Amino acid sequence: LLIDEAVKAQKISIDEGKKAISVIDMFILAKRMEKEGSEVIHLEVGEPDFGPPEKVKRATYDAISKGYTHYTEPSGILSLREGIANSVSERYSIDVSPEQVAITSGGRFSVYASILSTLSPGGEAIVIQPAWPAYVDCIETIRGRIISIKTNLEEGWKPDIESISNLINNSTELIVINYPNNPTGKVLEKRDMRALVDLAIERNITILSDEVYSDYSFKPFSSILEFHDCKSICVSSFSKSYGMTGFRIGYAISNVGTIRKISKIQALASTSVPEFIQYAAIEALKCKDDVKKYTSLIRERINLVCKELKKMNLSYYEPDGAFYVFPRISKDRSFDAGKFSFDLLKDKKVSVTPGITFGDYPDFIRISACQAEHLLLEGLRRIGEMLR
């Protein structure tokens, strides 16, 4: 009862009457308008328009035709876990075994299962804002307490390690990080990652690192997996790197004990990821050239977005990676980006995500660079019209 009341009280103090508008909220409204005949430009969802590589499509058909349509062990088929273990071991010059890998029903479920396997009811988790809202939702679902660390544009979205240290207490069990970051595109320097890891080691805290955008890093990227001395869980998925959003396949990498817990949660929730999809993922791991092509394409689109935002005299951090640009569209903190986003959708048929979705950022919006250049240009032109 005390835990429930503490969580409830903290949630009220965080929300303070503000209603966060999710990406899904905007997406549903946009789809409803399309059903009614409107042509909407989608700049809200982080879903690449290029889809999976042709080899992945063929591998999916082949797997079904060969009868790979059965249950698998909850942690995933061995050949896929071996493929992922080998891939990250080679990339980061580390030694990961297949027993340290769990295949999950999408990256989102990997995040949920990781939090559930690590955080106790009433335990505290530090979330660095701006942050993908699923972290907060998952923590609240299991009755954990959220400690938010706010970063800002003026300091390049860099978290202050001392501020994090001052908020840690005996109930703090988890630090959630996401780099390259959604929505800012920030990538932490290795020295900053080292400082964060040293703090976690000193205070005996687990780091959950969401690295779903790691292939879309435009500067040197340090994975949590490179820091062997830290208790950690690395989560990722095939959605972004390989354009496989609808396949719903992700994975977690950690110590064997934690992976067994995550696999048990997977078994309870959905038995396993469909067998044929796992075989498609094995083929995806071989498509490195496609990933490089996709990364180059997204970077070009982000550069285009930044160029247009600069013409509008808007402030933003030039992304180090990921799919998004997170501009401040007003210097007035009382500005309502939620209302602006709804008006933009209603009047200009452009769908973006208001900054309040990612924390206390009512004067920001997130623009996704996942559409073709002509759509990005037209969408940004209409945003400019709304701001005049």
Protein backbone atom coordinates (compact mmCIF):
# COMPACT_ATOMS: atom_id res chain seq x y z
CA LEU A 1 0.00 0.00 0.00
CA LEU A 2 2.84 2.37 0.86
CA ILE A 3 4.55 1.61 -2.47
CA ASP A 4 1.32 2.26 -4.40
CA GLU A 5 0.75 5.58 -2.65
CA ALA A 6 4.36 6.69 -3.13
CA VAL A 7 4.22 5.93 -6.84
CA LYS A 8 0.87 7.68 -7.19
CA ALA A 9 2.12 10.77 -5.35
CA GLN A 10 5.24 11.00 -7.46
CA LYS A 11 3.27 10.59 -10.69
CA ILE A 12 1.04 13.52 -9.72
CA SER A 13 4.06 15.68 -8.94
CA ILE A 14 5.64 14.85 -12.29
CA ASP A 15 2.52 15.29 -14.39
CA GLU A 16 1.21 18.44 -12.65
CA GLY A 17 -1.88 18.29 -14.78
CA LYS A 18 -0.04 18.01 -18.10
CA LYS A 19 -1.29 15.40 -20.52
CA ALA A 20 1.43 13.92 -22.67
CA ILE A 21 0.38 13.39 -26.28
CA SER A 22 1.94 10.26 -27.70
CA VAL A 23 3.22 9.51 -31.18
CA ILE A 24 0.40 6.99 -31.44
CA ASP A 25 -2.18 9.68 -30.59
CA MET A 26 -0.97 11.81 -33.49
CA PHE A 27 -0.68 8.82 -35.81
CA ILE A 28 -4.26 7.67 -35.07
CA LEU A 29 -5.63 11.17 -35.68
CA ALA A 30 -3.70 11.44 -38.93
CA LYS A 31 -4.95 8.03 -40.11
CA ARG A 32 -8.52 9.03 -39.25
CA MET A 33 -8.15 12.16 -41.36
CA GLU A 34 -6.76 10.08 -44.23
CA LYS A 35 -9.75 7.77 -43.99
CA GLU A 36 -11.95 10.83 -44.39
CA GLY A 37 -10.10 11.81 -47.57
CA SER A 38 -7.25 14.07 -46.43
CA GLU A 39 -3.68 13.59 -47.66
CA VAL A 40 -1.46 13.80 -44.57
CA ILE A 41 2.33 14.14 -44.50
CA HIS A 42 3.60 11.86 -41.73
CA LEU A 43 6.51 13.41 -39.84
CA GLU A 44 5.54 11.85 -36.51
CA VAL A 45 6.38 8.13 -36.70
CA GLY A 46 9.91 6.73 -36.74
CA GLU A 47 9.10 4.17 -39.42
CA PRO A 48 11.44 4.13 -42.43
CA ASP A 49 9.73 4.23 -45.81
CA PHE A 50 12.25 1.87 -47.43
CA GLY A 51 11.04 -1.39 -45.81
CA PRO A 52 13.15 -4.55 -45.41
CA PRO A 53 15.88 -5.63 -47.86
CA GLU A 54 14.74 -7.90 -50.70
CA LYS A 55 16.82 -10.76 -49.26
CA VAL A 56 14.83 -10.53 -46.03
CA LYS A 57 11.53 -10.66 -47.89
CA ARG A 58 12.65 -13.76 -49.81
CA ALA A 59 13.95 -15.40 -46.63
CA THR A 60 10.54 -14.87 -45.02
CA TYR A 61 8.73 -16.55 -47.91
CA ASP A 62 11.27 -19.38 -47.98
CA ALA A 63 11.00 -19.99 -44.22
CA ILE A 64 7.21 -20.30 -44.45
CA SER A 65 7.39 -22.59 -47.46
CA LYS A 66 9.89 -24.81 -45.63
CA GLY A 67 7.50 -25.20 -42.73
CA TYR A 68 9.29 -22.98 -40.22
CA THR A 69 5.96 -22.02 -38.67
CA HIS A 70 6.20 -23.58 -35.22
CA TYR A 71 6.94 -22.60 -31.63
CA THR A 72 10.58 -22.10 -30.73
CA GLU A 73 12.25 -21.96 -27.34
CA PRO A 74 11.32 -18.66 -25.63
CA SER A 75 14.85 -17.25 -25.89
CA GLY A 76 14.84 -17.75 -29.67
CA ILE A 77 16.41 -20.21 -32.09
CA LEU A 78 20.08 -20.89 -31.46
CA SER A 79 21.27 -19.91 -34.94
CA LEU A 80 19.80 -16.40 -34.57
CA ARG A 81 21.22 -15.94 -31.08
CA GLU A 82 24.59 -17.08 -32.40
CA GLY A 83 24.32 -14.61 -35.28
CA ILE A 84 23.59 -11.69 -32.96
CA ALA A 85 26.30 -12.74 -30.48
CA ASN A 86 28.87 -12.99 -33.27
CA SER A 87 27.78 -9.69 -34.80
CA VAL A 88 28.12 -7.61 -31.61
CA SER A 89 31.30 -9.45 -30.57
CA GLU A 90 32.94 -8.52 -33.85
CA ARG A 91 31.62 -4.97 -33.86
CA TYR A 92 32.70 -4.07 -30.32
CA SER A 93 35.70 -6.43 -29.93
CA ILE A 94 34.06 -8.26 -27.04
CA ASP A 95 33.06 -11.84 -26.27
CA VAL A 96 29.29 -12.43 -26.15
CA SER A 97 27.83 -15.95 -26.07
CA PRO A 98 24.44 -17.05 -27.47
CA GLU A 99 23.33 -17.74 -23.88
CA GLN A 100 23.59 -14.01 -23.24
CA VAL A 101 21.02 -13.20 -25.95
CA ALA A 102 17.21 -13.33 -25.76
CA ILE A 103 14.99 -12.81 -28.81
CA THR A 104 11.88 -10.77 -28.00
CA SER A 105 8.64 -9.65 -29.63
CA GLY A 106 9.99 -6.30 -30.75
CA GLY A 107 12.34 -3.83 -29.13
CA ARG A 108 9.53 -2.38 -27.01
CA PHE A 109 8.89 -5.74 -25.35
CA SER A 110 12.63 -6.12 -24.81
CA VAL A 111 12.59 -2.84 -22.88
CA TYR A 112 9.57 -3.95 -20.84
CA ALA A 113 10.98 -7.40 -20.04
CA SER A 114 14.35 -5.87 -19.09
CA ILE A 115 12.72 -3.40 -16.69
CA LEU A 116 10.46 -6.10 -15.24
CA SER A 117 13.42 -8.43 -14.66
CA THR A 118 15.48 -5.72 -12.95
CA LEU A 119 13.27 -3.23 -11.13
CA SER A 120 11.38 -4.19 -7.98
CA PRO A 121 7.99 -2.63 -7.05
CA GLY A 122 8.71 0.72 -5.48
CA GLY A 123 12.27 0.70 -6.80
CA GLU A 124 13.57 3.79 -8.49
CA ALA A 125 14.66 4.12 -12.11
CA ILE A 126 16.47 7.18 -13.44
CA VAL A 127 15.32 8.27 -16.91
CA ILE A 128 17.26 10.93 -18.81
CA GLN A 129 14.90 13.31 -20.61
CA PRO A 130 13.93 13.93 -23.30
CA ALA A 131 13.11 10.23 -23.54
CA TRP A 132 10.97 7.81 -25.51
CA PRO A 133 7.78 7.62 -23.39
CA ALA A 134 7.73 3.81 -23.31
CA TYR A 135 10.40 3.84 -20.59
CA VAL A 136 8.16 5.77 -18.21
CA ASP A 137 5.10 3.72 -19.17
CA CYS A 138 6.90 0.43 -18.50
CA ILE A 139 8.28 1.61 -15.15
CA GLU A 140 4.86 2.83 -14.03
CA THR A 141 3.21 -0.43 -15.12
CA ILE A 142 5.33 -2.46 -12.72
CA ARG A 143 4.87 0.15 -9.95
CA GLY A 144 8.39 1.51 -10.10
CA ARG A 145 9.25 5.11 -9.25
CA ILE A 146 10.58 7.42 -11.96
CA ILE A 147 13.37 9.87 -11.28
CA SER A 148 13.67 12.23 -14.24
CA ILE A 149 16.93 13.93 -15.17
CA LYS A 150 16.28 16.82 -17.52
CA THR A 151 18.81 17.80 -20.17
CA ASN A 152 18.58 20.89 -22.34
CA LEU A 153 19.38 22.21 -25.79
CA GLU A 154 21.75 24.91 -24.52
CA GLU A 155 24.10 22.24 -23.11
CA GLY A 156 23.81 20.00 -26.16
CA TRP A 157 21.46 17.54 -24.41
CA LYS A 158 24.37 16.28 -22.29
CA PRO A 159 23.34 14.75 -18.95
CA ASP A 160 25.03 16.10 -15.84
CA ILE A 161 26.64 13.17 -14.02
CA GLU A 162 26.77 15.06 -10.72
CA SER A 163 23.03 15.71 -10.86
CA ILE A 164 22.40 12.01 -11.47
CA SER A 165 24.68 11.09 -8.57
CA ASN A 166 22.85 13.47 -6.21
CA LEU A 167 19.50 11.81 -6.96
CA ILE A 168 20.67 8.25 -6.35
CA ASN A 169 19.66 6.65 -3.06
CA ASN A 170 19.26 3.16 -1.60
CA SER A 171 16.08 2.59 -3.66
CA THR A 172 17.71 3.39 -7.01
CA GLU A 173 18.11 0.21 -9.04
CA LEU A 174 18.22 1.24 -12.69
CA ILE A 175 19.43 3.97 -15.05
CA VAL A 176 17.78 4.03 -18.50
CA ILE A 177 19.76 5.52 -21.38
CA ASN A 178 19.08 5.79 -25.10
CA TYR A 179 21.84 6.81 -27.51
CA PRO A 180 21.63 7.75 -30.33
CA ASN A 181 18.75 9.47 -28.63
CA ASN A 182 15.11 9.63 -29.57
CA PRO A 183 14.13 12.49 -30.03
CA THR A 184 17.30 14.64 -30.00
CA GLY A 185 19.77 12.54 -32.02
CA LYS A 186 22.40 13.02 -29.28
CA VAL A 187 25.27 10.50 -29.01
CA LEU A 188 27.30 10.52 -25.80
CA GLU A 189 31.06 10.89 -26.01
CA LYS A 190 32.96 7.85 -24.74
CA ARG A 191 34.30 9.78 -21.74
CA ASP A 192 30.74 10.68 -20.71
CA MET A 193 29.67 7.05 -21.04
CA ARG A 194 32.66 6.06 -18.92
CA ALA A 195 31.66 8.56 -16.23
CA LEU A 196 28.10 7.23 -16.20
CA VAL A 197 29.32 3.63 -16.04
CA ASP A 198 31.72 4.43 -13.18
CA LEU A 199 28.84 5.98 -11.25
CA ALA A 200 26.66 2.91 -11.83
CA ILE A 201 29.46 0.61 -10.67
CA GLU A 202 30.13 2.70 -7.58
CA ARG A 203 26.45 2.71 -6.58
CA ASN A 204 25.70 -0.87 -7.71
CA ILE A 205 23.08 0.14 -10.27
CA THR A 206 22.14 -1.58 -13.54
CA ILE A 207 22.21 0.42 -16.79
CA LEU A 208 19.53 -0.36 -19.38
CA SER A 209 20.84 0.89 -22.71
CA ASP A 210 18.40 1.13 -25.62
CA GLU A 211 20.65 1.00 -28.69
CA VAL A 212 18.02 0.56 -31.37
CA TYR A 213 19.51 3.44 -33.41
CA SER A 214 23.15 2.37 -33.05
CA ASP A 215 23.51 1.67 -36.78
CA TYR A 216 22.33 5.23 -37.45
CA SER A 217 25.14 6.90 -35.52
CA PHE A 218 26.95 9.51 -37.62
CA LYS A 219 29.87 9.77 -35.17
CA PRO A 220 31.80 7.20 -33.08
CA PHE A 221 29.35 5.33 -30.86
CA SER A 222 30.10 3.56 -27.57
CA SER A 223 27.87 0.64 -26.67
CA ILE A 224 27.24 -0.30 -23.05
CA LEU A 225 28.52 -3.74 -24.10
CA GLU A 226 32.03 -2.32 -24.32
CA PHE A 227 32.08 -1.69 -20.57
CA HIS A 228 32.53 -5.21 -19.18
CA ASP A 229 32.70 -4.11 -15.54
CA CYS A 230 29.16 -2.69 -15.46
CA LYS A 231 25.88 -4.45 -14.70
CA SER A 232 23.94 -3.78 -17.86
CA ILE A 233 21.26 -4.82 -20.33
CA CYS A 234 21.57 -3.80 -23.99
CA VAL A 235 18.34 -3.84 -25.99
CA SER A 236 17.86 -3.40 -29.71
CA SER A 237 15.69 -4.55 -32.60
CA PHE A 238 15.57 -5.22 -36.33
CA SER A 239 12.93 -2.52 -36.87
CA LYS A 240 15.16 0.48 -37.59
CA SER A 241 18.39 -0.94 -39.00
CA TYR A 242 16.66 -3.26 -41.47
CA GLY A 243 13.31 -1.51 -41.98
CA MET A 244 11.52 -4.48 -40.34
CA THR A 245 9.06 -2.56 -38.15
CA GLY A 246 6.11 -4.87 -38.74
CA PHE A 247 8.12 -8.04 -38.12
CA ARG A 248 8.17 -7.26 -34.39
CA ILE A 249 11.51 -8.78 -33.48
CA GLY A 250 14.01 -7.41 -30.99
CA TYR A 251 16.61 -8.73 -28.60
CA ALA A 252 18.31 -8.20 -25.25
CA ILE A 253 21.94 -8.88 -24.33
CA SER A 254 23.03 -9.24 -20.71
CA ASN A 255 24.44 -11.75 -18.23
CA VAL A 256 23.03 -15.28 -18.40
CA GLY A 257 20.92 -14.90 -15.23
CA THR A 258 19.16 -11.77 -16.46
CA ILE A 259 18.62 -13.28 -19.92
CA ARG A 260 16.91 -16.30 -18.32
CA LYS A 261 14.52 -13.94 -16.52
CA ILE A 262 13.78 -12.04 -19.75
CA SER A 263 13.21 -15.33 -21.60
CA LYS A 264 10.79 -16.47 -18.89
CA ILE A 265 8.81 -13.23 -19.26
CA GLN A 266 8.79 -13.77 -23.03
CA ALA A 267 7.44 -17.30 -22.48
CA LEU A 268 4.68 -16.02 -20.20
CA ALA A 269 3.63 -13.22 -22.55
CA SER A 270 3.84 -14.70 -26.04
CA THR A 271 5.68 -18.07 -25.97
CA SER A 272 8.20 -17.02 -28.64
CA VAL A 273 8.74 -14.84 -31.68
CA PRO A 274 7.29 -16.64 -34.76
CA GLU A 275 9.81 -19.09 -36.17
CA PHE A 276 9.78 -17.81 -39.77
CA ILE A 277 10.41 -14.25 -38.60
CA GLN A 278 13.48 -15.41 -36.71
CA TYR A 279 14.81 -17.00 -39.90
CA ALA A 280 14.18 -13.71 -41.71
CA ALA A 281 16.24 -11.96 -39.01
CA ILE A 282 19.13 -14.36 -39.61
CA GLU A 283 19.19 -13.24 -43.23
CA ALA A 284 18.93 -9.59 -42.16
CA LEU A 285 22.20 -9.89 -40.22
CA LYS A 286 23.90 -10.53 -43.57
CA CYS A 287 22.54 -7.32 -45.13
CA LYS A 288 25.23 -4.90 -43.89
CA ASP A 289 25.41 -3.10 -47.24
CA ASP A 290 21.69 -2.33 -47.04
CA VAL A 291 22.14 -0.91 -43.54
CA LYS A 292 24.92 1.38 -44.80
CA LYS A 293 22.66 2.53 -47.65
CA TYR A 294 19.76 3.19 -45.27
CA THR A 295 22.02 5.10 -42.87
CA SER A 296 23.33 7.30 -45.66
CA LEU A 297 19.78 8.01 -46.83
CA ILE A 298 18.55 8.99 -43.37
CA ARG A 299 21.56 11.23 -42.82
CA GLU A 300 20.85 13.07 -46.09
CA ARG A 301 17.25 13.57 -45.02
CA ILE A 302 18.24 14.84 -41.58
CA ASN A 303 20.64 17.31 -43.20
CA LEU A 304 17.79 18.51 -45.41
CA VAL A 305 15.50 18.99 -42.38
CA CYS A 306 18.21 20.92 -40.52
CA LYS A 307 18.81 23.16 -43.55
CA GLU A 308 15.12 24.05 -43.76
CA LEU A 309 14.81 24.63 -40.00
CA LYS A 310 17.79 26.98 -40.18
CA LYS A 311 15.93 29.04 -42.79
CA MET A 312 13.11 29.38 -40.26
CA ASN A 313 15.58 30.62 -37.60
CA LEU A 314 14.64 27.77 -35.28
CA SER A 315 17.02 26.42 -32.65
CA TYR A 316 17.97 22.75 -32.71
CA TYR A 317 20.81 20.34 -32.01
CA GLU A 318 22.28 18.93 -35.20
CA PRO A 319 21.73 15.19 -34.67
CA ASP A 320 24.64 12.81 -34.18
CA GLY A 321 22.35 9.96 -35.25
CA ALA A 322 18.85 8.40 -35.14
CA PHE A 323 15.90 9.51 -37.32
CA TYR A 324 14.82 12.80 -35.81
CA VAL A 325 15.35 16.51 -35.37
CA PHE A 326 14.00 18.14 -32.20
CA PRO A 327 13.64 21.89 -32.81
CA ARG A 328 12.45 24.50 -30.35
CA ILE A 329 9.62 26.28 -32.11
CA SER A 330 9.07 28.98 -29.49
CA LYS A 331 11.21 30.68 -26.86
CA ASP A 332 8.12 31.10 -24.72
CA ARG A 333 7.91 28.29 -22.16
CA SER A 334 4.14 28.78 -21.99
CA PHE A 335 3.89 27.78 -25.65
CA ASP A 336 1.68 24.73 -26.17
CA ALA A 337 3.35 22.43 -28.69
CA GLY A 338 0.47 20.00 -28.26
CA LYS A 339 -2.05 22.55 -29.51
CA PHE A 340 0.36 23.62 -32.24
CA SER A 341 0.71 20.00 -33.40
CA PHE A 342 -3.04 19.46 -33.48
CA ASP A 343 -3.59 22.74 -35.35
CA LEU A 344 -0.82 21.84 -37.79
CA LEU A 345 -2.49 18.51 -38.49
CA LYS A 346 -5.95 20.01 -38.82
CA ASP A 347 -5.03 23.08 -40.88
CA LYS A 348 -1.94 22.00 -42.82
CA LYS A 349 -2.30 18.18 -42.92
CA VAL A 350 1.15 17.66 -41.41
CA SER A 351 1.59 15.31 -38.45
CA VAL A 352 4.47 15.86 -35.99
CA THR A 353 5.03 14.84 -32.36
CA PRO A 354 4.82 17.53 -29.63
CA GLY A 355 7.80 17.75 -27.30
CA ILE A 356 5.70 17.14 -24.19
CA THR A 357 5.59 13.49 -25.29
CA PHE A 358 9.25 13.17 -24.29
CA GLY A 359 9.20 15.10 -21.02
CA ASP A 360 8.89 18.72 -19.95
CA TYR A 361 9.46 20.22 -23.40
CA PRO A 362 6.27 22.17 -24.30
CA ASP A 363 8.16 24.44 -26.70
CA PHE A 364 9.61 21.66 -28.89
CA ILE A 365 8.36 19.30 -31.60
CA ARG A 366 9.93 16.15 -33.01
CA ILE A 367 10.25 15.82 -36.77
CA SER A 368 10.88 12.35 -38.19
CA ALA A 369 13.09 12.17 -41.30
CA CYS A 370 11.69 8.84 -42.48
CA GLN A 371 9.80 10.15 -45.53
CA ALA A 372 10.97 10.92 -49.06
CA GLU A 373 12.68 14.29 -49.60
CA HIS A 374 9.78 15.89 -51.48
CA LEU A 375 7.43 15.07 -48.60
CA LEU A 376 9.88 16.39 -46.03
CA LEU A 377 10.27 19.64 -47.96
CA GLU A 378 6.53 20.12 -48.35
CA GLY A 379 5.88 19.29 -44.70
CA LEU A 380 8.53 21.74 -43.53
CA ARG A 381 7.14 24.42 -45.85
CA ARG A 382 3.74 24.04 -44.20
CA ILE A 383 5.32 24.14 -40.73
CA GLY A 384 6.94 27.42 -41.74
CA GLU A 385 3.55 28.78 -42.77
CA MET A 386 2.09 27.88 -39.37
CA LEU A 387 4.89 29.70 -37.59
CA ARG A 388 4.43 32.96 -39.48
